[in-house]
Amino acid sequence: MLEYKAGWYGARVIVAPTHFPSTKRCSGCGWVAPRMPLSLRTFRCPWCGLEIDRDLNAALNLRQYGLAVLSGPTGSSPGSDACGDPSGGGTAGTSRSTSYGSLKQEAGSGRLFSR
C-alpha cells in the first residue's frame, strides 16, 4: 500500500534491512549496543554520552540510512553501477522488490556511516 501511494506522488520507498540496528545504534557517533530490551525507553550511549528517546534515536538512524541510500554511488547516481551490475543492485523496475542498491559497511567497525 505504501509503495502504491508513493507512486502517486513520484516518491520512492526505501526499506532498511531486516536486522538494521536502528534502535541500538547511536545516532550521534554510530556505536551499536549489544542488546537493548524494549523496557528501556531512553537510549544512552556510553561512547559519546548522547541521551535520547529510543524512538527518536531509531527515527534519526533510519533517516540517515535513507539519505545514505539516496546519495550513495549505487543509490541514485546515474551511470554508477555496483560491481558492474546495471540494475544498481536491486530489481526496482522489474518486481515489487524494495532493494534499491547496496550500502558499504566498514569491515569490523559495525558502522554504516562515516561522520
PDB file of N, CA and C in Angstrom:
ATOM      1  N   MET A   1       0.830  -1.190   0.000  1.00  0.00           N
ATOM      2  CA  MET A   1       0.000   0.000   0.000  1.00  0.00           C
ATOM      3  C   MET A   1       0.878   1.259   0.000  1.00  0.00           C
ATOM      4  N   LEU A   2       1.943   1.227   0.794  1.00  0.00           N
ATOM      5  CA  LEU A   2       2.826   2.387   0.863  1.00  0.00           C
ATOM      6  C   LEU A   2       3.507   2.640  -0.482  1.00  0.00           C
ATOM      7  N   GLU A   3       3.972   1.572  -1.140  1.00  0.00           N
ATOM      8  CA  GLU A   3       4.599   1.716  -2.459  1.00  0.00           C
ATOM      9  C   GLU A   3       3.599   2.263  -3.471  1.00  0.00           C
ATOM     10  N   TYR A   4       2.370   1.797  -3.392  1.00  0.00           N
ATOM     11  CA  TYR A   4       1.310   2.247  -4.284  1.00  0.00           C
ATOM     12  C   TYR A   4       1.058   3.750  -4.114  1.00  0.00           C
ATOM     13  N   LYS A   5       0.919   4.181  -2.871  1.00  0.00           N
ATOM     14  CA  LYS A   5       0.687   5.606  -2.588  1.00  0.00           C
ATOM     15  C   LYS A   5       1.897   6.452  -2.968  1.00  0.00           C
ATOM     16  N   ALA A   6       3.098   5.956  -2.693  1.00  0.00           N
ATOM     17  CA  ALA A   6       4.307   6.696  -3.049  1.00  0.00           C
ATOM     18  C   ALA A   6       4.379   6.905  -4.550  1.00  0.00           C
ATOM     19  N   GLY A   7       3.953   5.909  -5.314  1.00  0.00           N
ATOM     20  CA  GLY A   7       3.936   6.018  -6.772  1.00  0.00           C
ATOM     21  C   GLY A   7       3.063   7.158  -7.273  1.00  0.00           C
ATOM     22  N   TRP A   8       1.990   7.447  -6.589  1.00  0.00           N
ATOM     23  CA  TRP A   8       1.115   8.559  -6.967  1.00  0.00           C
ATOM     24  C   TRP A   8       1.861   9.892  -6.957  1.00  0.00           C
ATOM     25  N   TYR A   9       2.760  10.038  -6.007  1.00  0.00           N
ATOM     26  CA  TYR A   9       3.445  11.303  -5.808  1.00  0.00           C
ATOM     27  C   TYR A   9       4.877  11.309  -6.334  1.00  0.00           C
ATOM     28  N   GLY A  10       5.263  10.243  -7.025  1.00  0.00           N
ATOM     29  CA  GLY A  10       6.614  10.171  -7.557  1.00  0.00           C
ATOM     30  C   GLY A  10       7.665   9.977  -6.475  1.00  0.00           C
ATOM     31  N   ALA A  11       7.263   9.462  -5.326  1.00  0.00           N
ATOM     32  CA  ALA A  11       8.183   9.228  -4.218  1.00  0.00           C
ATOM     33  C   ALA A  11       8.772   7.829  -4.323  1.00  0.00           C
ATOM     34  N   ARG A  12       9.781   7.574  -3.543  1.00  0.00           N
ATOM     35  CA  ARG A  12      10.468   6.288  -3.551  1.00  0.00           C
ATOM     36  C   ARG A  12      10.479   5.726  -2.136  1.00  0.00           C
ATOM     37  N   VAL A  13      10.111   4.472  -1.985  1.00  0.00           N
ATOM     38  CA  VAL A  13      10.104   3.804  -0.685  1.00  0.00           C
ATOM     39  C   VAL A  13      11.453   3.110  -0.500  1.00  0.00           C
ATOM     40  N   ILE A  14      12.114   3.393   0.587  1.00  0.00           N
ATOM     41  CA  ILE A  14      13.384   2.755   0.913  1.00  0.00           C
ATOM     42  C   ILE A  14      13.167   1.947   2.183  1.00  0.00           C
ATOM     43  N   VAL A  15      13.456   0.663   2.100  1.00  0.00           N
ATOM     44  CA  VAL A  15      13.262  -0.230   3.240  1.00  0.00           C
ATOM     45  C   VAL A  15      14.621  -0.632   3.795  1.00  0.00           C
ATOM     46  N   ALA A  16      14.816  -0.401   5.084  1.00  0.00           N
ATOM     47  CA  ALA A  16      16.065  -0.802   5.739  1.00  0.00           C
ATOM     48  C   ALA A  16      16.093  -2.327   5.860  1.00  0.00           C
ATOM     49  N   PRO A  17      17.281  -2.916   5.853  1.00  0.00           N
ATOM     50  CA  PRO A  17      17.378  -4.368   6.019  1.00  0.00           C
ATOM     51  C   PRO A  17      16.723  -4.821   7.324  1.00  0.00           C
ATOM     52  N   THR A  18      16.255  -6.051   7.346  1.00  0.00           N
ATOM     53  CA  THR A  18      15.545  -6.600   8.500  1.00  0.00           C
ATOM     54  C   THR A  18      16.308  -6.448   9.807  1.00  0.00           C
ATOM     55  N   HIS A  19      17.595  -6.687   9.788  1.00  0.00           N
ATOM     56  CA  HIS A  19      18.367  -6.651  11.032  1.00  0.00           C
ATOM     57  C   HIS A  19      19.142  -5.349  11.203  1.00  0.00           C
ATOM     58  N   PHE A  20      18.720  -4.276  10.540  1.00  0.00           N
ATOM     59  CA  PHE A  20      19.358  -2.976  10.711  1.00  0.00           C
ATOM     60  C   PHE A  20      19.126  -2.508  12.149  1.00  0.00           C
ATOM     61  N   PRO A  21      20.184  -2.181  12.891  1.00  0.00           N
ATOM     62  CA  PRO A  21      20.038  -1.857  14.320  1.00  0.00           C
ATOM     63  C   PRO A  21      19.602  -0.406  14.565  1.00  0.00           C
ATOM     64  N   SER A  22      18.460  -0.016  14.056  1.00  0.00           N
ATOM     65  CA  SER A  22      18.024   1.374  14.183  1.00  0.00           C
ATOM     66  C   SER A  22      17.844   1.799  15.639  1.00  0.00           C
ATOM     67  N   THR A  23      17.396   0.900  16.483  1.00  0.00           N
ATOM     68  CA  THR A  23      17.168   1.223  17.886  1.00  0.00           C
ATOM     69  C   THR A  23      18.454   1.158  18.696  1.00  0.00           C
ATOM     70  N   LYS A  24      19.348   0.235  18.346  1.00  0.00           N
ATOM     71  CA  LYS A  24      20.559   0.001  19.134  1.00  0.00           C
ATOM     72  C   LYS A  24      21.751   0.852  18.693  1.00  0.00           C
ATOM     73  N   ARG A  25      21.656   1.532  17.562  1.00  0.00           N
ATOM     74  CA  ARG A  25      22.768   2.344  17.041  1.00  0.00           C
ATOM     75  C   ARG A  25      22.638   3.780  17.544  1.00  0.00           C
ATOM     76  N   CYS A  26      23.745   4.346  17.997  1.00  0.00           N
ATOM     77  CA  CYS A  26      23.757   5.739  18.448  1.00  0.00           C
ATOM     78  C   CYS A  26      23.669   6.642  17.224  1.00  0.00           C
ATOM     79  N   SER A  27      22.690   7.509  17.195  1.00  0.00           N
ATOM     80  CA  SER A  27      22.530   8.410  16.060  1.00  0.00           C
ATOM     81  C   SER A  27      23.570   9.528  16.076  1.00  0.00           C
ATOM     82  N   GLY A  28      24.325   9.634  17.154  1.00  0.00           N
ATOM     83  CA  GLY A  28      25.364  10.647  17.245  1.00  0.00           C
ATOM     84  C   GLY A  28      26.718  10.176  16.753  1.00  0.00           C
ATOM     85  N   CYS A  29      27.141   8.982  17.211  1.00  0.00           N
ATOM     86  CA  CYS A  29      28.501   8.524  16.880  1.00  0.00           C
ATOM     87  C   CYS A  29      28.547   7.205  16.121  1.00  0.00           C
ATOM     88  N   GLY A  30      27.431   6.451  16.093  1.00  0.00           N
ATOM     89  CA  GLY A  30      27.401   5.195  15.365  1.00  0.00           C
ATOM     90  C   GLY A  30      27.680   3.961  16.194  1.00  0.00           C
ATOM     91  N   TRP A  31      27.986   4.126  17.497  1.00  0.00           N
ATOM     92  CA  TRP A  31      28.223   2.977  18.372  1.00  0.00           C
ATOM     93  C   TRP A  31      26.968   2.106  18.398  1.00  0.00           C
ATOM     94  N   VAL A  32      27.126   0.799  18.436  1.00  0.00           N
ATOM     95  CA  VAL A  32      25.989  -0.126  18.458  1.00  0.00           C
ATOM     96  C   VAL A  32      25.979  -0.893  19.775  1.00  0.00           C
ATOM     97  N   ALA A  33      24.855  -0.815  20.471  1.00  0.00           N
ATOM     98  CA  ALA A  33      24.683  -1.534  21.739  1.00  0.00           C
ATOM     99  C   ALA A  33      24.518  -3.022  21.455  1.00  0.00           C
ATOM    100  N   PRO A  34      25.055  -3.883  22.319  1.00  0.00           N
ATOM    101  CA  PRO A  34      24.902  -5.319  22.102  1.00  0.00           C
ATOM    102  C   PRO A  34      23.447  -5.780  22.237  1.00  0.00           C
ATOM    103  N   ARG A  35      22.726  -5.190  23.175  1.00  0.00           N
ATOM    104  CA  ARG A  35      21.305  -5.503  23.389  1.00  0.00           C
ATOM    105  C   ARG A  35      20.609  -4.255  23.908  1.00  0.00           C
ATOM    106  N   MET A  36      19.312  -4.183  23.639  1.00  0.00           N
ATOM    107  CA  MET A  36      18.524  -3.092  24.201  1.00  0.00           C
ATOM    108  C   MET A  36      17.098  -3.594  24.397  1.00  0.00           C
ATOM    109  N   PRO A  37      16.771  -3.993  25.623  1.00  0.00           N
ATOM    110  CA  PRO A  37      15.426  -4.505  25.890  1.00  0.00           C
ATOM    111  C   PRO A  37      14.360  -3.438  25.608  1.00  0.00           C
ATOM    112  N   LEU A  38      13.198  -3.889  25.211  1.00  0.00           N
ATOM    113  CA  LEU A  38      12.109  -2.977  24.899  1.00  0.00           C
ATOM    114  C   LEU A  38      11.710  -2.118  26.094  1.00  0.00           C
ATOM    115  N   SER A  39      11.981  -2.576  27.297  1.00  0.00           N
ATOM    116  CA  SER A  39      11.624  -1.819  28.502  1.00  0.00           C
ATOM    117  C   SER A  39      12.463  -0.540  28.648  1.00  0.00           C
ATOM    118  N   LEU A  40      13.637  -0.491  28.012  1.00  0.00           N
ATOM    119  CA  LEU A  40      14.458   0.725  28.057  1.00  0.00           C
ATOM    120  C   LEU A  40      13.921   1.726  27.039  1.00  0.00           C
ATOM    121  N   ARG A  41      13.404   2.836  27.512  1.00  0.00           N
ATOM    122  CA  ARG A  41      12.786   3.815  26.622  1.00  0.00           C
ATOM    123  C   ARG A  41      13.719   4.965  26.282  1.00  0.00           C
ATOM    124  N   THR A  42      14.881   5.038  26.927  1.00  0.00           N
ATOM    125  CA  THR A  42      15.863   6.080  26.647  1.00  0.00           C
ATOM    126  C   THR A  42      17.157   5.421  26.207  1.00  0.00           C
ATOM    127  N   PHE A  43      17.677   5.873  25.065  1.00  0.00           N
ATOM    128  CA  PHE A  43      18.957   5.368  24.569  1.00  0.00           C
ATOM    129  C   PHE A  43      20.065   6.198  25.211  1.00  0.00           C
ATOM    130  N   ARG A  44      21.037   5.519  25.815  1.00  0.00           N
ATOM    131  CA  ARG A  44      22.192   6.192  26.416  1.00  0.00           C
ATOM    132  C   ARG A  44      23.464   5.603  25.816  1.00  0.00           C
ATOM    133  N   CYS A  45      24.256   6.441  25.171  1.00  0.00           N
ATOM    134  CA  CYS A  45      25.484   5.986  24.534  1.00  0.00           C
ATOM    135  C   CYS A  45      26.664   6.158  25.490  1.00  0.00           C
ATOM    136  N   PRO A  46      27.329   5.064  25.841  1.00  0.00           N
ATOM    137  CA  PRO A  46      28.485   5.177  26.721  1.00  0.00           C
ATOM    138  C   PRO A  46      29.700   5.753  26.002  1.00  0.00           C
ATOM    139  N   TRP A  47      29.683   5.758  24.682  1.00  0.00           N
ATOM    140  CA  TRP A  47      30.822   6.234  23.905  1.00  0.00           C
ATOM    141  C   TRP A  47      30.849   7.764  23.803  1.00  0.00           C
ATOM    142  N   CYS A  48      29.709   8.376  23.391  1.00  0.00           N
ATOM    143  CA  CYS A  48      29.695   9.833  23.195  1.00  0.00           C
ATOM    144  C   CYS A  48      28.830  10.568  24.214  1.00  0.00           C
ATOM    145  N   GLY A  49      28.064   9.813  25.039  1.00  0.00           N
ATOM    146  CA  GLY A  49      27.262  10.446  26.078  1.00  0.00           C
ATOM    147  C   GLY A  49      25.875  10.902  25.637  1.00  0.00           C
ATOM    148  N   LEU A  50      25.470  10.594  24.413  1.00  0.00           N
ATOM    149  CA  LEU A  50      24.151  11.005  23.922  1.00  0.00           C
ATOM    150  C   LEU A  50      23.048  10.315  24.715  1.00  0.00           C
ATOM    151  N   GLU A  51      22.061  11.082  25.154  1.00  0.00           N
ATOM    152  CA  GLU A  51      20.857  10.548  25.781  1.00  0.00           C
ATOM    153  C   GLU A  51      19.685  11.057  24.978  1.00  0.00           C
ATOM    154  N   ILE A  52      18.872  10.116  24.484  1.00  0.00           N
ATOM    155  CA  ILE A  52      17.790  10.485  23.579  1.00  0.00           C
ATOM    156  C   ILE A  52      16.678   9.443  23.689  1.00  0.00           C
ATOM    157  N   ASP A  53      15.454   9.841  23.419  1.00  0.00           N
ATOM    158  CA  ASP A  53      14.331   8.917  23.392  1.00  0.00           C
ATOM    159  C   ASP A  53      14.618   7.792  22.406  1.00  0.00           C
ATOM    160  N   ARG A  54      14.333   6.577  22.779  1.00  0.00           N
ATOM    161  CA  ARG A  54      14.619   5.400  21.965  1.00  0.00           C
ATOM    162  C   ARG A  54      14.019   5.510  20.560  1.00  0.00           C
ATOM    163  N   ASP A  55      12.760   5.928  20.463  1.00  0.00           N
ATOM    164  CA  ASP A  55      12.087   6.013  19.164  1.00  0.00           C
ATOM    165  C   ASP A  55      12.651   7.138  18.303  1.00  0.00           C
ATOM    166  N   LEU A  56      12.998   8.251  18.918  1.00  0.00           N
ATOM    167  CA  LEU A  56      13.601   9.349  18.167  1.00  0.00           C
ATOM    168  C   LEU A  56      14.976   8.934  17.639  1.00  0.00           C
ATOM    169  N   ASN A  57      15.744   8.233  18.452  1.00  0.00           N
ATOM    170  CA  ASN A  57      17.042   7.726  18.021  1.00  0.00           C
ATOM    171  C   ASN A  57      16.887   6.810  16.808  1.00  0.00           C
ATOM    172  N   ALA A  58      15.918   5.898  16.855  1.00  0.00           N
ATOM    173  CA  ALA A  58      15.672   4.974  15.741  1.00  0.00           C
ATOM    174  C   ALA A  58      15.253   5.750  14.492  1.00  0.00           C
ATOM    175  N   ALA A  59      14.400   6.751  14.666  1.00  0.00           N
ATOM    176  CA  ALA A  59      13.949   7.554  13.523  1.00  0.00           C
ATOM    177  C   ALA A  59      15.117   8.291  12.870  1.00  0.00           C
ATOM    178  N   LEU A  60      16.010   8.836  13.684  1.00  0.00           N
ATOM    179  CA  LEU A  60      17.176   9.539  13.140  1.00  0.00           C
ATOM    180  C   LEU A  60      18.099   8.570  12.387  1.00  0.00           C
ATOM    181  N   ASN A  61      18.271   7.359  12.924  1.00  0.00           N
ATOM    182  CA  ASN A  61      19.095   6.362  12.251  1.00  0.00           C
ATOM    183  C   ASN A  61      18.480   5.930  10.921  1.00  0.00           C
ATOM    184  N   LEU A  62      17.168   5.743  10.894  1.00  0.00           N
ATOM    185  CA  LEU A  62      16.503   5.353   9.654  1.00  0.00           C
ATOM    186  C   LEU A  62      16.545   6.479   8.621  1.00  0.00           C
ATOM    187  N   ARG A  63      16.426   7.714   9.081  1.00  0.00           N
ATOM    188  CA  ARG A  63      16.542   8.867   8.176  1.00  0.00           C
ATOM    189  C   ARG A  63      17.942   8.900   7.563  1.00  0.00           C
ATOM    190  N   GLN A  64      18.954   8.705   8.411  1.00  0.00           N
ATOM    191  CA  GLN A  64      20.339   8.714   7.942  1.00  0.00           C
ATOM    192  C   GLN A  64      20.572   7.571   6.949  1.00  0.00           C
ATOM    193  N   TYR A  65      19.985   6.408   7.210  1.00  0.00           N
ATOM    194  CA  TYR A  65      20.101   5.273   6.293  1.00  0.00           C
ATOM    195  C   TYR A  65      19.490   5.627   4.934  1.00  0.00           C
ATOM    196  N   GLY A  66      18.295   6.170   4.951  1.00  0.00           N
ATOM    197  CA  GLY A  66      17.624   6.538   3.699  1.00  0.00           C
ATOM    198  C   GLY A  66      18.395   7.574   2.907  1.00  0.00           C
ATOM    199  N   LEU A  67      18.919   8.577   3.590  1.00  0.00           N
ATOM    200  CA  LEU A  67      19.710   9.604   2.902  1.00  0.00           C
ATOM    201  C   LEU A  67      20.989   9.014   2.317  1.00  0.00           C
ATOM    202  N   ALA A  68      21.597   8.069   3.033  1.00  0.00           N
ATOM    203  CA  ALA A  68      22.810   7.419   2.521  1.00  0.00           C
ATOM    204  C   ALA A  68      22.493   6.607   1.265  1.00  0.00           C
ATOM    205  N   VAL A  69      21.348   5.934   1.252  1.00  0.00           N
ATOM    206  CA  VAL A  69      20.946   5.165   0.075  1.00  0.00           C
ATOM    207  C   VAL A  69      20.712   6.108  -1.104  1.00  0.00           C
ATOM    208  N   LEU A  70      20.041   7.211  -0.858  1.00  0.00           N
ATOM    209  CA  LEU A  70      19.736   8.153  -1.940  1.00  0.00           C
ATOM    210  C   LEU A  70      20.970   8.850  -2.492  1.00  0.00           C
ATOM    211  N   SER A  71      21.953   9.123  -1.640  1.00  0.00           N
ATOM    212  CA  SER A  71      23.122   9.870  -2.097  1.00  0.00           C
ATOM    213  C   SER A  71      24.318   8.985  -2.398  1.00  0.00           C
ATOM    214  N   GLY A  72      24.209   7.686  -2.099  1.00  0.00           N
ATOM    215  CA  GLY A  72      25.320   6.763  -2.325  1.00  0.00           C
ATOM    216  C   GLY A  72      25.572   6.523  -3.806  1.00  0.00           C
ATOM    217  N   PRO A  73      26.737   5.968  -4.142  1.00  0.00           N
ATOM    218  CA  PRO A  73      27.113   5.758  -5.533  1.00  0.00           C
ATOM    219  C   PRO A  73      26.219   4.772  -6.268  1.00  0.00           C
ATOM    220  N   THR A  74      25.525   3.882  -5.551  1.00  0.00           N
ATOM    221  CA  THR A  74      24.625   2.949  -6.226  1.00  0.00           C
ATOM    222  C   THR A  74      23.164   3.295  -5.969  1.00  0.00           C
ATOM    223  N   GLY A  75      22.922   4.348  -5.217  1.00  0.00           N
ATOM    224  CA  GLY A  75      21.543   4.711  -4.895  1.00  0.00           C
ATOM    225  C   GLY A  75      20.833   5.441  -5.999  1.00  0.00           C
ATOM    226  N   SER A  76      21.322   6.599  -6.378  1.00  0.00           N
ATOM    227  CA  SER A  76      20.605   7.375  -7.381  1.00  0.00           C
ATOM    228  C   SER A  76      21.507   8.028  -8.403  1.00  0.00           C
ATOM    229  N   SER A  77      22.792   7.721  -8.365  1.00  0.00           N
ATOM    230  CA  SER A  77      23.710   8.329  -9.313  1.00  0.00           C
ATOM    231  C   SER A  77      23.635   7.619 -10.654  1.00  0.00           C
ATOM    232  N   PRO A  78      23.108   8.279 -11.696  1.00  0.00           N
ATOM    233  CA  PRO A  78      23.008   7.636 -12.996  1.00  0.00           C
ATOM    234  C   PRO A  78      24.388   7.229 -13.508  1.00  0.00           C
ATOM    235  N   GLY A  79      24.455   6.036 -14.083  1.00  0.00           N
ATOM    236  CA  GLY A  79      25.694   5.575 -14.687  1.00  0.00           C
ATOM    237  C   GLY A  79      26.685   4.974 -13.710  1.00  0.00           C
ATOM    238  N   SER A  80      26.379   4.952 -12.432  1.00  0.00           N
ATOM    239  CA  SER A  80      27.282   4.377 -11.444  1.00  0.00           C
ATOM    240  C   SER A  80      26.709   3.050 -10.998  1.00  0.00           C
ATOM    241  N   ASP A  81      27.271   1.957 -11.510  1.00  0.00           N
ATOM    242  CA  ASP A  81      26.710   0.640 -11.257  1.00  0.00           C
ATOM    243  C   ASP A  81      27.533  -0.121 -10.225  1.00  0.00           C
ATOM    244  N   ALA A  82      26.843  -0.784  -9.300  1.00  0.00           N
ATOM    245  CA  ALA A  82      27.504  -1.579  -8.277  1.00  0.00           C
ATOM    246  C   ALA A  82      28.087  -2.832  -8.912  1.00  0.00           C
ATOM    247  N   CYS A  83      29.386  -2.995  -8.818  1.00  0.00           N
ATOM    248  CA  CYS A  83      30.083  -4.176  -9.338  1.00  0.00           C
ATOM    249  C   CYS A  83      29.730  -4.448 -10.792  1.00  0.00           C
ATOM    250  N   GLY A  84      29.470  -3.396 -11.562  1.00  0.00           N
ATOM    251  CA  GLY A  84      29.144  -3.558 -12.969  1.00  0.00           C
ATOM    252  C   GLY A  84      27.718  -3.993 -13.222  1.00  0.00           C
ATOM    253  N   ASP A  85      26.910  -4.070 -12.174  1.00  0.00           N
ATOM    254  CA  ASP A  85      25.522  -4.502 -12.313  1.00  0.00           C
ATOM    255  C   ASP A  85      24.653  -3.309 -12.690  1.00  0.00           C
ATOM    256  N   PRO A  86      24.142  -3.249 -13.920  1.00  0.00           N
ATOM    257  CA  PRO A  86      23.347  -2.093 -14.347  1.00  0.00           C
ATOM    258  C   PRO A  86      22.033  -1.935 -13.593  1.00  0.00           C
ATOM    259  N   SER A  87      21.607  -2.963 -12.859  1.00  0.00           N
ATOM    260  CA  SER A  87      20.355  -2.836 -12.106  1.00  0.00           C
ATOM    261  C   SER A  87      20.550  -2.022 -10.843  1.00  0.00           C
ATOM    262  N   GLY A  88      21.799  -1.682 -10.492  1.00  0.00           N
ATOM    263  CA  GLY A  88      22.057  -0.919  -9.276  1.00  0.00           C
ATOM    264  C   GLY A  88      21.958  -1.755  -8.025  1.00  0.00           C
ATOM    265  N   GLY A  89      21.952  -3.075  -8.194  1.00  0.00           N
ATOM    266  CA  GLY A  89      21.910  -3.951  -7.037  1.00  0.00           C
ATOM    267  C   GLY A  89      20.519  -4.368  -6.638  1.00  0.00           C
ATOM    268  N   GLY A  90      19.512  -3.813  -7.251  1.00  0.00           N
ATOM    269  CA  GLY A  90      18.139  -4.168  -6.913  1.00  0.00           C
ATOM    270  C   GLY A  90      17.354  -4.529  -8.144  1.00  0.00           C
ATOM    271  N   THR A  91      16.082  -4.777  -7.938  1.00  0.00           N
ATOM    272  CA  THR A  91      15.202  -5.124  -9.042  1.00  0.00           C
ATOM    273  C   THR A  91      14.002  -4.194  -9.050  1.00  0.00           C
ATOM    274  N   ALA A  92      14.240  -2.924  -8.770  1.00  0.00           N
ATOM    275  CA  ALA A  92      13.169  -1.950  -8.588  1.00  0.00           C
ATOM    276  C   ALA A  92      12.258  -1.844  -9.801  1.00  0.00           C
ATOM    277  N   GLY A  93      12.811  -1.948 -10.996  1.00  0.00           N
ATOM    278  CA  GLY A  93      11.978  -1.776 -12.181  1.00  0.00           C
ATOM    279  C   GLY A  93      11.309  -3.040 -12.648  1.00  0.00           C
ATOM    280  N   THR A  94      11.638  -4.205 -12.089  1.00  0.00           N
ATOM    281  CA  THR A  94      11.123  -5.452 -12.611  1.00  0.00           C
ATOM    282  C   THR A  94      10.172  -6.190 -11.682  1.00  0.00           C
ATOM    283  N   SER A  95      10.106  -5.825 -10.426  1.00  0.00           N
ATOM    284  CA  SER A  95       9.225  -6.529  -9.496  1.00  0.00           C
ATOM    285  C   SER A  95       8.882  -5.621  -8.321  1.00  0.00           C
ATOM    286  N   ARG A  96       8.295  -6.201  -7.280  1.00  0.00           N
ATOM    287  CA  ARG A  96       7.922  -5.420  -6.102  1.00  0.00           C
ATOM    288  C   ARG A  96       9.040  -5.349  -5.082  1.00  0.00           C
ATOM    289  N   SER A  97      10.251  -5.664  -5.470  1.00  0.00           N
ATOM    290  CA  SER A  97      11.365  -5.625  -4.535  1.00  0.00           C
ATOM    291  C   SER A  97      11.597  -4.209  -4.036  1.00  0.00           C
ATOM    292  N   THR A  98      12.025  -4.087  -2.801  1.00  0.00           N
ATOM    293  CA  THR A  98      12.322  -2.771  -2.242  1.00  0.00           C
ATOM    294  C   THR A  98      13.816  -2.530  -2.171  1.00  0.00           C
ATOM    295  N   SER A  99      14.600  -3.376  -2.839  1.00  0.00           N
ATOM    296  CA  SER A  99      16.048  -3.208  -2.850  1.00  0.00           C
ATOM    297  C   SER A  99      16.427  -2.182  -3.906  1.00  0.00           C
ATOM    298  N   TYR A 100      17.117  -1.131  -3.507  1.00  0.00           N
ATOM    299  CA  TYR A 100      17.493  -0.078  -4.442  1.00  0.00           C
ATOM    300  C   TYR A 100      18.992   0.113  -4.529  1.00  0.00           C
ATOM    301  N   GLY A 101      19.758  -0.856  -4.165  1.00  0.00           N
ATOM    302  CA  GLY A 101      21.204  -0.716  -4.261  1.00  0.00           C
ATOM    303  C   GLY A 101      21.877  -1.179  -2.986  1.00  0.00           C
ATOM    304  N   SER A 102      23.176  -1.059  -2.973  1.00  0.00           N
ATOM    305  CA  SER A 102      23.927  -1.550  -1.833  1.00  0.00           C
ATOM    306  C   SER A 102      24.466  -0.395  -1.003  1.00  0.00           C
ATOM    307  N   LEU A 103      24.802  -0.701   0.239  1.00  0.00           N
ATOM    308  CA  LEU A 103      25.366   0.284   1.148  1.00  0.00           C
ATOM    309  C   LEU A 103      26.612  -0.320   1.751  1.00  0.00           C
ATOM    310  N   LYS A 104      27.731   0.348   1.630  1.00  0.00           N
ATOM    311  CA  LYS A 104      29.001  -0.186   2.101  1.00  0.00           C
ATOM    312  C   LYS A 104      29.117  -0.056   3.618  1.00  0.00           C
ATOM    313  N   GLN A 105      29.619  -1.115   4.229  1.00  0.00           N
ATOM    314  CA  GLN A 105      29.883  -1.102   5.660  1.00  0.00           C
ATOM    315  C   GLN A 105      31.372  -1.303   5.864  1.00  0.00           C
ATOM    316  N   GLU A 106      31.968  -0.478   6.712  1.00  0.00           N
ATOM    317  CA  GLU A 106      33.383  -0.612   7.011  1.00  0.00           C
ATOM    318  C   GLU A 106      33.624  -1.942   7.713  1.00  0.00           C
ATOM    319  N   ALA A 107      34.575  -2.689   7.258  1.00  0.00           N
ATOM    320  CA  ALA A 107      34.871  -4.004   7.822  1.00  0.00           C
ATOM    321  C   ALA A 107      35.253  -3.890   9.295  1.00  0.00           C
ATOM    322  N   GLY A 108      34.564  -4.653  10.135  1.00  0.00           N
ATOM    323  CA  GLY A 108      34.901  -4.748  11.544  1.00  0.00           C
ATOM    324  C   GLY A 108      34.517  -3.552  12.399  1.00  0.00           C
ATOM    325  N   SER A 109      34.000  -2.497  11.790  1.00  0.00           N
ATOM    326  CA  SER A 109      33.715  -1.308  12.597  1.00  0.00           C
ATOM    327  C   SER A 109      32.296  -1.299  13.138  1.00  0.00           C
ATOM    328  N   GLY A 110      31.369  -2.028  12.508  1.00  0.00           N
ATOM    329  CA  GLY A 110      29.983  -2.002  12.935  1.00  0.00           C
ATOM    330  C   GLY A 110      29.284  -0.711  12.568  1.00  0.00           C
ATOM    331  N   ARG A 111      29.927   0.132  11.735  1.00  0.00           N
ATOM    332  CA  ARG A 111      29.339   1.415  11.348  1.00  0.00           C
ATOM    333  C   ARG A 111      29.009   1.410   9.866  1.00  0.00           C
ATOM    334  N   LEU A 112      27.856   1.934   9.531  1.00  0.00           N
ATOM    335  CA  LEU A 112      27.460   2.057   8.135  1.00  0.00           C
ATOM    336  C   LEU A 112      27.772   3.433   7.585  1.00  0.00           C
ATOM    337  N   PHE A 113      27.921   4.404   8.451  1.00  0.00           N
ATOM    338  CA  PHE A 113      28.028   5.782   8.029  1.00  0.00           C
ATOM    339  C   PHE A 113      29.310   6.417   8.534  1.00  0.00           C
ATOM    340  N   SER A 114      29.894   7.247   7.721  1.00  0.00           N
ATOM    341  CA  SER A 114      31.059   7.996   8.188  1.00  0.00           C
ATOM    342  C   SER A 114      30.599   9.361   8.644  1.00  0.00           C
ATOM    343  N   ARG A 115      31.363   9.970   9.549  1.00  0.00           N
ATOM    344  CA  ARG A 115      30.976  11.279  10.073  1.00  0.00           C
ATOM    345  C   ARG A 115      31.563  12.376   9.253  1.00  0.00           C
TER     346      ARG A 115
END
